[in-house]
Amino acid sequence: MSNGISLVRTAGLLSALLAAPQASFALTLLTEENPPLNYTENKKLTGMGTEVVQEMGKRAKVKLDTSVMAWDDAYMKAQADKETCIYSTARLGNRENLFKWVGPIAVNKWGLYALGGFKTPIKSLQDVRPFRVGGVEKDAKAEYLKQNNITNVVEEDNDKLNPGKLTLDRKATQKIDLWITSTATAKKVAQQAKVSDIKLVYVVREAEQYLACSPRTQPATLKSLQDALESMKKDGSYDKILKSYEGQ
């Protein structure tokens, strides 16, 4: 009799567990002000990467708690904190083992800009080496240049500070000769810095952007998000979001 009672109790317990609502996935997302990928407009977080990630969360039923902060701080927290991801970021070799990756969630074209009077032809990254290049701390674009033996990279914590540092005087101190940034928003960022005379001198690369998550993130959460992204690409909603930001 006791064995029969135990079996009944066990079956009842299993039924109760199966009937109980499953805990929903939750993630802390960290990002920066980096248009067109992620930025604040009218006090609302938006951007190409933001829209894609938000839709992924809805489809995967993952609760997303998003914060905007300096990229350097976000980059460190996304490696160390449990259930935490950073976006939008490039999947570079030196980062591969630091994160768990979901994506690509967007594409970002990187360009080198100079003042209008800049005369030296830039046909390869080797031509960039003699010049001071402005970038952003811990940003993939600056890291990519360093990986390609461009050592004179001058980093700021905000890209808006770079256009005003551009100069044609190679001897001027605290200045830069070239600026690496997103081609989609370079002119807008420069105009905000009251610098209108800039030109694109070289397209560095087109970089796929990812959601980079802490190794302490649940694999099931990551799979749910990746599956959601694939469904967006199949039904065309992913391409629709990206195209809506072309030329901004």
C-alpha atoms as a PDB file:
ATOM      1  CA  MET A   1       0.000   0.000   0.000  1.00  0.00           C
ATOM      2  CA  SER A   2       2.780   2.406   0.915  1.00  0.00           C
ATOM      3  CA  ASN A   3       4.348   2.002  -2.540  1.00  0.00           C
ATOM      4  CA  GLY A   4       1.013   2.756  -4.177  1.00  0.00           C
ATOM      5  CA  ILE A   5       0.534   5.886  -2.072  1.00  0.00           C
ATOM      6  CA  SER A   6       4.065   7.041  -2.941  1.00  0.00           C
ATOM      7  CA  LEU A   7       3.390   6.592  -6.640  1.00  0.00           C
ATOM      8  CA  VAL A   8       0.175   8.566  -6.382  1.00  0.00           C
ATOM      9  CA  ARG A   9       1.918  11.356  -4.506  1.00  0.00           C
ATOM     10  CA  THR A  10       4.767  11.417  -7.027  1.00  0.00           C
ATOM     11  CA  ALA A  11       2.351  11.566  -9.944  1.00  0.00           C
ATOM     12  CA  GLY A  12       0.435  14.371  -8.269  1.00  0.00           C
ATOM     13  CA  LEU A  13       3.617  16.345  -7.668  1.00  0.00           C
ATOM     14  CA  LEU A  14       4.712  15.984 -11.295  1.00  0.00           C
ATOM     15  CA  SER A  15       1.294  17.109 -12.506  1.00  0.00           C
ATOM     16  CA  ALA A  16       1.457  20.171 -10.265  1.00  0.00           C
ATOM     17  CA  LEU A  17       4.921  21.079 -11.546  1.00  0.00           C
ATOM     18  CA  LEU A  18       3.843  20.724 -15.155  1.00  0.00           C
ATOM     19  CA  ALA A  19       0.735  22.775 -14.564  1.00  0.00           C
ATOM     20  CA  ALA A  20       2.628  25.583 -12.819  1.00  0.00           C
ATOM     21  CA  PRO A  21       3.497  28.587 -15.031  1.00  0.00           C
ATOM     22  CA  GLN A  22       7.048  28.448 -16.309  1.00  0.00           C
ATOM     23  CA  ALA A  23       9.392  31.242 -15.228  1.00  0.00           C
ATOM     24  CA  SER A  24       9.854  33.684 -18.081  1.00  0.00           C
ATOM     25  CA  PHE A  25      13.327  34.572 -19.289  1.00  0.00           C
ATOM     26  CA  ALA A  26      14.691  38.002 -18.356  1.00  0.00           C
ATOM     27  CA  LEU A  27      17.766  39.911 -19.495  1.00  0.00           C
ATOM     28  CA  THR A  28      19.505  43.138 -18.609  1.00  0.00           C
ATOM     29  CA  LEU A  29      20.495  44.934 -21.820  1.00  0.00           C
ATOM     30  CA  LEU A  30      23.182  47.604 -21.866  1.00  0.00           C
ATOM     31  CA  THR A  31      23.765  50.008 -24.729  1.00  0.00           C
ATOM     32  CA  GLU A  32      25.181  53.417 -25.607  1.00  0.00           C
ATOM     33  CA  GLU A  33      24.315  56.498 -27.630  1.00  0.00           C
ATOM     34  CA  ASN A  34      25.532  55.348 -31.034  1.00  0.00           C
ATOM     35  CA  PRO A  35      23.177  56.229 -33.908  1.00  0.00           C
ATOM     36  CA  PRO A  36      21.859  54.716 -36.114  1.00  0.00           C
ATOM     37  CA  LEU A  37      22.261  51.503 -34.129  1.00  0.00           C
ATOM     38  CA  ASN A  38      21.102  52.633 -30.689  1.00  0.00           C
ATOM     39  CA  TYR A  39      20.308  56.115 -29.448  1.00  0.00           C
ATOM     40  CA  THR A  40      17.799  58.208 -27.504  1.00  0.00           C
ATOM     41  CA  GLU A  41      15.328  60.405 -29.358  1.00  0.00           C
ATOM     42  CA  ASN A  42      12.582  62.366 -27.599  1.00  0.00           C
ATOM     43  CA  LYS A  43      13.515  60.530 -24.388  1.00  0.00           C
ATOM     44  CA  LYS A  44      12.876  57.159 -26.049  1.00  0.00           C
ATOM     45  CA  LEU A  45      15.506  54.544 -26.862  1.00  0.00           C
ATOM     46  CA  THR A  46      15.434  53.708 -30.559  1.00  0.00           C
ATOM     47  CA  GLY A  47      17.740  52.812 -33.448  1.00  0.00           C
ATOM     48  CA  MET A  48      18.279  49.985 -35.887  1.00  0.00           C
ATOM     49  CA  GLY A  49      19.739  47.577 -33.335  1.00  0.00           C
ATOM     50  CA  THR A  50      17.260  48.598 -30.641  1.00  0.00           C
ATOM     51  CA  GLU A  51      14.204  47.926 -32.802  1.00  0.00           C
ATOM     52  CA  VAL A  52      15.502  44.515 -33.835  1.00  0.00           C
ATOM     53  CA  VAL A  53      16.383  43.483 -30.269  1.00  0.00           C
ATOM     54  CA  GLN A  54      13.056  44.671 -28.885  1.00  0.00           C
ATOM     55  CA  GLU A  55      11.149  42.623 -31.459  1.00  0.00           C
ATOM     56  CA  MET A  56      13.353  39.611 -30.689  1.00  0.00           C
ATOM     57  CA  GLY A  57      12.444  39.942 -27.013  1.00  0.00           C
ATOM     58  CA  LYS A  58       8.722  40.069 -27.800  1.00  0.00           C
ATOM     59  CA  ARG A  59       8.821  36.992 -30.015  1.00  0.00           C
ATOM     60  CA  ALA A  60      10.997  35.029 -27.594  1.00  0.00           C
ATOM     61  CA  LYS A  61       8.946  36.168 -24.575  1.00  0.00           C
ATOM     62  CA  VAL A  62      12.108  37.465 -22.912  1.00  0.00           C
ATOM     63  CA  LYS A  63      11.667  40.428 -20.579  1.00  0.00           C
ATOM     64  CA  LEU A  64      14.250  43.090 -21.439  1.00  0.00           C
ATOM     65  CA  ASP A  65      15.437  45.699 -18.951  1.00  0.00           C
ATOM     66  CA  THR A  66      17.525  48.195 -20.951  1.00  0.00           C
ATOM     67  CA  SER A  67      19.962  50.839 -19.666  1.00  0.00           C
ATOM     68  CA  VAL A  68      22.014  53.418 -21.587  1.00  0.00           C
ATOM     69  CA  MET A  69      25.510  54.101 -20.263  1.00  0.00           C
ATOM     70  CA  ALA A  70      29.091  54.823 -21.306  1.00  0.00           C
ATOM     71  CA  TRP A  71      30.333  52.067 -23.614  1.00  0.00           C
ATOM     72  CA  ASP A  72      33.410  51.281 -21.497  1.00  0.00           C
ATOM     73  CA  ASP A  73      31.274  50.620 -18.405  1.00  0.00           C
ATOM     74  CA  ALA A  74      28.671  48.647 -20.342  1.00  0.00           C
ATOM     75  CA  TYR A  75      31.357  46.500 -21.985  1.00  0.00           C
ATOM     76  CA  MET A  76      32.788  45.450 -18.611  1.00  0.00           C
ATOM     77  CA  LYS A  77      29.412  44.802 -16.977  1.00  0.00           C
ATOM     78  CA  ALA A  78      28.248  42.662 -19.886  1.00  0.00           C
ATOM     79  CA  GLN A  79      31.197  40.342 -19.342  1.00  0.00           C
ATOM     80  CA  ALA A  80      30.863  40.093 -15.553  1.00  0.00           C
ATOM     81  CA  ASP A  81      27.151  40.310 -14.676  1.00  0.00           C
ATOM     82  CA  LYS A  82      24.710  37.415 -14.820  1.00  0.00           C
ATOM     83  CA  GLU A  83      21.989  37.459 -17.515  1.00  0.00           C
ATOM     84  CA  THR A  84      23.410  40.646 -19.060  1.00  0.00           C
ATOM     85  CA  CYS A  85      24.052  41.577 -22.710  1.00  0.00           C
ATOM     86  CA  ILE A  86      25.440  44.550 -24.612  1.00  0.00           C
ATOM     87  CA  TYR A  87      24.480  45.791 -28.075  1.00  0.00           C
ATOM     88  CA  SER A  88      25.144  46.707 -30.852  1.00  0.00           C
ATOM     89  CA  THR A  89      28.711  45.458 -31.154  1.00  0.00           C
ATOM     90  CA  ALA A  90      30.968  43.832 -33.732  1.00  0.00           C
ATOM     91  CA  ARG A  91      32.077  40.229 -33.294  1.00  0.00           C
ATOM     92  CA  LEU A  92      35.848  40.616 -33.412  1.00  0.00           C
ATOM     93  CA  GLY A  93      38.401  37.862 -32.858  1.00  0.00           C
ATOM     94  CA  ASN A  94      39.691  39.289 -29.586  1.00  0.00           C
ATOM     95  CA  ARG A  95      36.127  39.374 -28.218  1.00  0.00           C
ATOM     96  CA  GLU A  96      34.961  35.940 -29.336  1.00  0.00           C
ATOM     97  CA  ASN A  97      35.531  34.117 -26.041  1.00  0.00           C
ATOM     98  CA  LEU A  98      34.477  37.007 -23.805  1.00  0.00           C
ATOM     99  CA  PHE A  99      30.783  36.750 -24.703  1.00  0.00           C
ATOM    100  CA  LYS A 100      28.005  34.499 -25.949  1.00  0.00           C
ATOM    101  CA  TRP A 101      26.766  35.875 -29.264  1.00  0.00           C
ATOM    102  CA  VAL A 102      23.314  36.372 -30.789  1.00  0.00           C
ATOM    103  CA  GLY A 103      22.922  37.832 -34.261  1.00  0.00           C
ATOM    104  CA  PRO A 104      23.769  39.490 -36.464  1.00  0.00           C
ATOM    105  CA  ILE A 105      21.160  42.073 -35.458  1.00  0.00           C
ATOM    106  CA  ALA A 106      22.274  44.897 -37.799  1.00  0.00           C
ATOM    107  CA  VAL A 107      24.956  46.056 -40.250  1.00  0.00           C
ATOM    108  CA  ASN A 108      27.106  49.135 -39.739  1.00  0.00           C
ATOM    109  CA  LYS A 109      29.372  50.679 -42.397  1.00  0.00           C
ATOM    110  CA  TRP A 110      32.566  52.225 -40.984  1.00  0.00           C
ATOM    111  CA  GLY A 111      34.192  55.209 -42.678  1.00  0.00           C
ATOM    112  CA  LEU A 112      37.206  57.465 -42.214  1.00  0.00           C
ATOM    113  CA  TYR A 113      36.422  61.181 -42.415  1.00  0.00           C
ATOM    114  CA  ALA A 114      38.608  64.257 -42.730  1.00  0.00           C
ATOM    115  CA  LEU A 115      38.164  67.979 -43.228  1.00  0.00           C
ATOM    116  CA  GLY A 116      37.408  69.086 -46.764  1.00  0.00           C
ATOM    117  CA  GLY A 117      40.948  70.267 -47.419  1.00  0.00           C
ATOM    118  CA  PHE A 118      42.524  66.871 -46.690  1.00  0.00           C
ATOM    119  CA  LYS A 119      44.581  65.956 -49.775  1.00  0.00           C
ATOM    120  CA  THR A 120      46.354  62.649 -49.090  1.00  0.00           C
ATOM    121  CA  PRO A 121      44.729  59.712 -50.957  1.00  0.00           C
ATOM    122  CA  ILE A 122      43.662  56.891 -48.601  1.00  0.00           C
ATOM    123  CA  LYS A 123      43.441  53.669 -50.580  1.00  0.00           C
ATOM    124  CA  SER A 124      44.151  51.132 -47.839  1.00  0.00           C
ATOM    125  CA  LEU A 125      44.573  50.894 -44.084  1.00  0.00           C
ATOM    126  CA  GLN A 126      48.320  51.057 -44.616  1.00  0.00           C
ATOM    127  CA  ASP A 127      47.864  54.634 -45.858  1.00  0.00           C
ATOM    128  CA  VAL A 128      46.184  55.518 -42.544  1.00  0.00           C
ATOM    129  CA  ARG A 129      49.159  54.655 -40.320  1.00  0.00           C
ATOM    130  CA  PRO A 130      50.931  58.050 -40.384  1.00  0.00           C
ATOM    131  CA  PHE A 131      47.788  59.872 -39.206  1.00  0.00           C
ATOM    132  CA  ARG A 132      46.104  60.479 -35.860  1.00  0.00           C
ATOM    133  CA  VAL A 133      42.676  58.828 -35.916  1.00  0.00           C
ATOM    134  CA  GLY A 134      39.850  59.788 -33.564  1.00  0.00           C
ATOM    135  CA  GLY A 135      37.636  57.023 -32.217  1.00  0.00           C
ATOM    136  CA  VAL A 136      35.656  55.927 -29.162  1.00  0.00           C
ATOM    137  CA  GLU A 137      37.020  54.008 -26.181  1.00  0.00           C
ATOM    138  CA  LYS A 138      36.391  50.226 -26.333  1.00  0.00           C
ATOM    139  CA  ASP A 139      34.517  50.721 -29.611  1.00  0.00           C
ATOM    140  CA  ALA A 140      34.943  48.014 -32.250  1.00  0.00           C
ATOM    141  CA  LYS A 141      36.016  50.541 -34.903  1.00  0.00           C
ATOM    142  CA  ALA A 142      38.954  51.763 -32.820  1.00  0.00           C
ATOM    143  CA  GLU A 143      39.884  48.210 -31.834  1.00  0.00           C
ATOM    144  CA  TYR A 144      39.794  47.115 -35.465  1.00  0.00           C
ATOM    145  CA  LEU A 145      42.290  49.822 -36.425  1.00  0.00           C
ATOM    146  CA  LYS A 146      44.650  48.764 -33.644  1.00  0.00           C
ATOM    147  CA  GLN A 147      44.426  45.141 -34.763  1.00  0.00           C
ATOM    148  CA  ASN A 148      45.557  46.332 -38.199  1.00  0.00           C
ATOM    149  CA  ASN A 149      48.686  48.000 -36.806  1.00  0.00           C
ATOM    150  CA  ILE A 150      47.300  51.528 -36.696  1.00  0.00           C
ATOM    151  CA  THR A 151      48.692  52.620 -33.364  1.00  0.00           C
ATOM    152  CA  ASN A 152      47.999  56.358 -33.351  1.00  0.00           C
ATOM    153  CA  VAL A 153      44.337  56.059 -32.315  1.00  0.00           C
ATOM    154  CA  VAL A 154      43.088  58.861 -30.065  1.00  0.00           C
ATOM    155  CA  GLU A 155      40.013  57.767 -28.111  1.00  0.00           C
ATOM    156  CA  GLU A 156      37.167  59.735 -26.533  1.00  0.00           C
ATOM    157  CA  ASP A 157      34.272  58.460 -24.432  1.00  0.00           C
ATOM    158  CA  ASN A 158      31.750  60.147 -26.753  1.00  0.00           C
ATOM    159  CA  ASP A 159      31.892  60.263 -30.558  1.00  0.00           C
ATOM    160  CA  LYS A 160      30.434  63.798 -30.571  1.00  0.00           C
ATOM    161  CA  LEU A 161      33.791  65.073 -29.328  1.00  0.00           C
ATOM    162  CA  ASN A 162      35.720  63.860 -32.380  1.00  0.00           C
ATOM    163  CA  PRO A 163      34.558  66.115 -35.268  1.00  0.00           C
ATOM    164  CA  GLY A 164      35.657  69.275 -33.450  1.00  0.00           C
ATOM    165  CA  LYS A 165      39.174  67.867 -33.083  1.00  0.00           C
ATOM    166  CA  LEU A 166      39.726  67.418 -36.829  1.00  0.00           C
ATOM    167  CA  THR A 167      42.502  69.543 -38.275  1.00  0.00           C
ATOM    168  CA  LEU A 168      44.643  69.919 -41.395  1.00  0.00           C
ATOM    169  CA  ASP A 169      47.653  70.930 -39.290  1.00  0.00           C
ATOM    170  CA  ARG A 170      49.677  67.786 -38.603  1.00  0.00           C
ATOM    171  CA  LYS A 171      51.626  69.612 -35.887  1.00  0.00           C
ATOM    172  CA  ALA A 172      48.607  70.837 -33.919  1.00  0.00           C
ATOM    173  CA  THR A 173      48.415  69.219 -30.478  1.00  0.00           C
ATOM    174  CA  GLN A 174      45.301  67.591 -28.967  1.00  0.00           C
ATOM    175  CA  LYS A 175      43.923  67.192 -32.517  1.00  0.00           C
ATOM    176  CA  ILE A 176      43.187  64.392 -35.020  1.00  0.00           C
ATOM    177  CA  ASP A 177      43.701  64.098 -38.771  1.00  0.00           C
ATOM    178  CA  LEU A 178      41.037  61.452 -39.424  1.00  0.00           C
ATOM    179  CA  TRP A 179      37.875  60.313 -37.666  1.00  0.00           C
ATOM    180  CA  ILE A 180      36.418  56.797 -37.816  1.00  0.00           C
ATOM    181  CA  THR A 181      32.659  56.542 -37.385  1.00  0.00           C
ATOM    182  CA  SER A 182      29.448  55.180 -38.905  1.00  0.00           C
ATOM    183  CA  THR A 183      28.827  56.445 -42.437  1.00  0.00           C
ATOM    184  CA  ALA A 184      25.074  56.553 -41.780  1.00  0.00           C
ATOM    185  CA  THR A 185      25.351  59.290 -39.167  1.00  0.00           C
ATOM    186  CA  ALA A 186      28.740  60.963 -39.647  1.00  0.00           C
ATOM    187  CA  LYS A 187      27.347  64.180 -41.126  1.00  0.00           C
ATOM    188  CA  LYS A 188      24.643  64.451 -38.469  1.00  0.00           C
ATOM    189  CA  VAL A 189      27.154  63.997 -35.632  1.00  0.00           C
ATOM    190  CA  ALA A 190      29.497  66.521 -37.264  1.00  0.00           C
ATOM    191  CA  GLN A 191      26.714  69.066 -37.660  1.00  0.00           C
ATOM    192  CA  GLN A 192      25.808  68.686 -33.996  1.00  0.00           C
ATOM    193  CA  ALA A 193      29.437  69.506 -33.235  1.00  0.00           C
ATOM    194  CA  LYS A 194      29.137  72.544 -35.576  1.00  0.00           C
ATOM    195  CA  VAL A 195      31.574  71.045 -38.085  1.00  0.00           C
ATOM    196  CA  SER A 196      30.183  71.102 -41.635  1.00  0.00           C
ATOM    197  CA  ASP A 197      33.266  70.725 -43.834  1.00  0.00           C
ATOM    198  CA  ILE A 198      33.944  66.977 -43.659  1.00  0.00           C
ATOM    199  CA  LYS A 199      34.336  64.334 -46.340  1.00  0.00           C
ATOM    200  CA  LEU A 200      34.521  60.551 -46.502  1.00  0.00           C
ATOM    201  CA  VAL A 201      38.040  59.518 -47.505  1.00  0.00           C
ATOM    202  CA  TYR A 202      37.879  55.737 -47.042  1.00  0.00           C
ATOM    203  CA  VAL A 203      35.322  53.020 -46.280  1.00  0.00           C
ATOM    204  CA  VAL A 204      36.980  50.732 -43.735  1.00  0.00           C
ATOM    205  CA  ARG A 205      34.465  47.879 -43.680  1.00  0.00           C
ATOM    206  CA  GLU A 206      30.847  46.857 -43.377  1.00  0.00           C
ATOM    207  CA  ALA A 207      30.521  45.309 -39.940  1.00  0.00           C
ATOM    208  CA  GLU A 208      27.783  42.974 -38.800  1.00  0.00           C
ATOM    209  CA  GLN A 209      26.519  43.895 -35.339  1.00  0.00           C
ATOM    210  CA  TYR A 210      25.587  41.499 -32.558  1.00  0.00           C
ATOM    211  CA  LEU A 211      24.037  41.120 -29.150  1.00  0.00           C
ATOM    212  CA  ALA A 212      26.993  40.111 -26.925  1.00  0.00           C
ATOM    213  CA  CYS A 213      25.976  38.354 -23.698  1.00  0.00           C
ATOM    214  CA  SER A 214      27.711  37.387 -20.503  1.00  0.00           C
ATOM    215  CA  PRO A 215      28.920  33.762 -20.387  1.00  0.00           C
ATOM    216  CA  ARG A 216      26.658  33.527 -17.312  1.00  0.00           C
ATOM    217  CA  THR A 217      23.540  33.904 -19.468  1.00  0.00           C
ATOM    218  CA  GLN A 218      21.203  30.889 -19.725  1.00  0.00           C
ATOM    219  CA  PRO A 219      21.718  29.003 -23.016  1.00  0.00           C
ATOM    220  CA  ALA A 220      17.946  28.594 -23.359  1.00  0.00           C
ATOM    221  CA  THR A 221      17.513  32.368 -23.318  1.00  0.00           C
ATOM    222  CA  LEU A 222      20.115  32.831 -26.031  1.00  0.00           C
ATOM    223  CA  LYS A 223      18.536  30.121 -28.186  1.00  0.00           C
ATOM    224  CA  SER A 224      15.091  31.700 -27.829  1.00  0.00           C
ATOM    225  CA  LEU A 225      16.447  35.061 -28.966  1.00  0.00           C
ATOM    226  CA  GLN A 226      18.367  33.582 -31.901  1.00  0.00           C
ATOM    227  CA  ASP A 227      15.287  31.649 -33.012  1.00  0.00           C
ATOM    228  CA  ALA A 228      13.224  34.844 -32.785  1.00  0.00           C
ATOM    229  CA  LEU A 229      15.763  36.672 -34.934  1.00  0.00           C
ATOM    230  CA  GLU A 230      15.691  33.943 -37.559  1.00  0.00           C
ATOM    231  CA  SER A 231      11.907  34.197 -37.717  1.00  0.00           C
ATOM    232  CA  MET A 232      12.217  37.966 -38.285  1.00  0.00           C
ATOM    233  CA  LYS A 233      14.588  37.385 -41.165  1.00  0.00           C
ATOM    234  CA  LYS A 234      12.253  34.823 -42.719  1.00  0.00           C
ATOM    235  CA  ASP A 235       9.162  37.031 -42.609  1.00  0.00           C
ATOM    236  CA  GLY A 236      10.967  40.174 -43.822  1.00  0.00           C
ATOM    237  CA  SER A 237      10.548  42.270 -40.686  1.00  0.00           C
ATOM    238  CA  TYR A 238      14.328  42.353 -40.085  1.00  0.00           C
ATOM    239  CA  ASP A 239      15.087  43.823 -43.519  1.00  0.00           C
ATOM    240  CA  LYS A 240      12.220  46.293 -43.129  1.00  0.00           C
ATOM    241  CA  ILE A 241      13.753  47.705 -39.931  1.00  0.00           C
ATOM    242  CA  LEU A 242      17.232  48.034 -41.463  1.00  0.00           C
ATOM    243  CA  LYS A 243      15.952  49.728 -44.603  1.00  0.00           C
ATOM    244  CA  SER A 244      14.032  52.285 -42.541  1.00  0.00           C
ATOM    245  CA  TYR A 245      17.375  53.641 -41.278  1.00  0.00           C
ATOM    246  CA  GLU A 246      19.171  53.922 -44.616  1.00  0.00           C
ATOM    247  CA  GLY A 247      20.569  57.391 -45.209  1.00  0.00           C
ATOM    248  CA  GLN A 248      19.958  58.654 -41.687  1.00  0.00           C
END
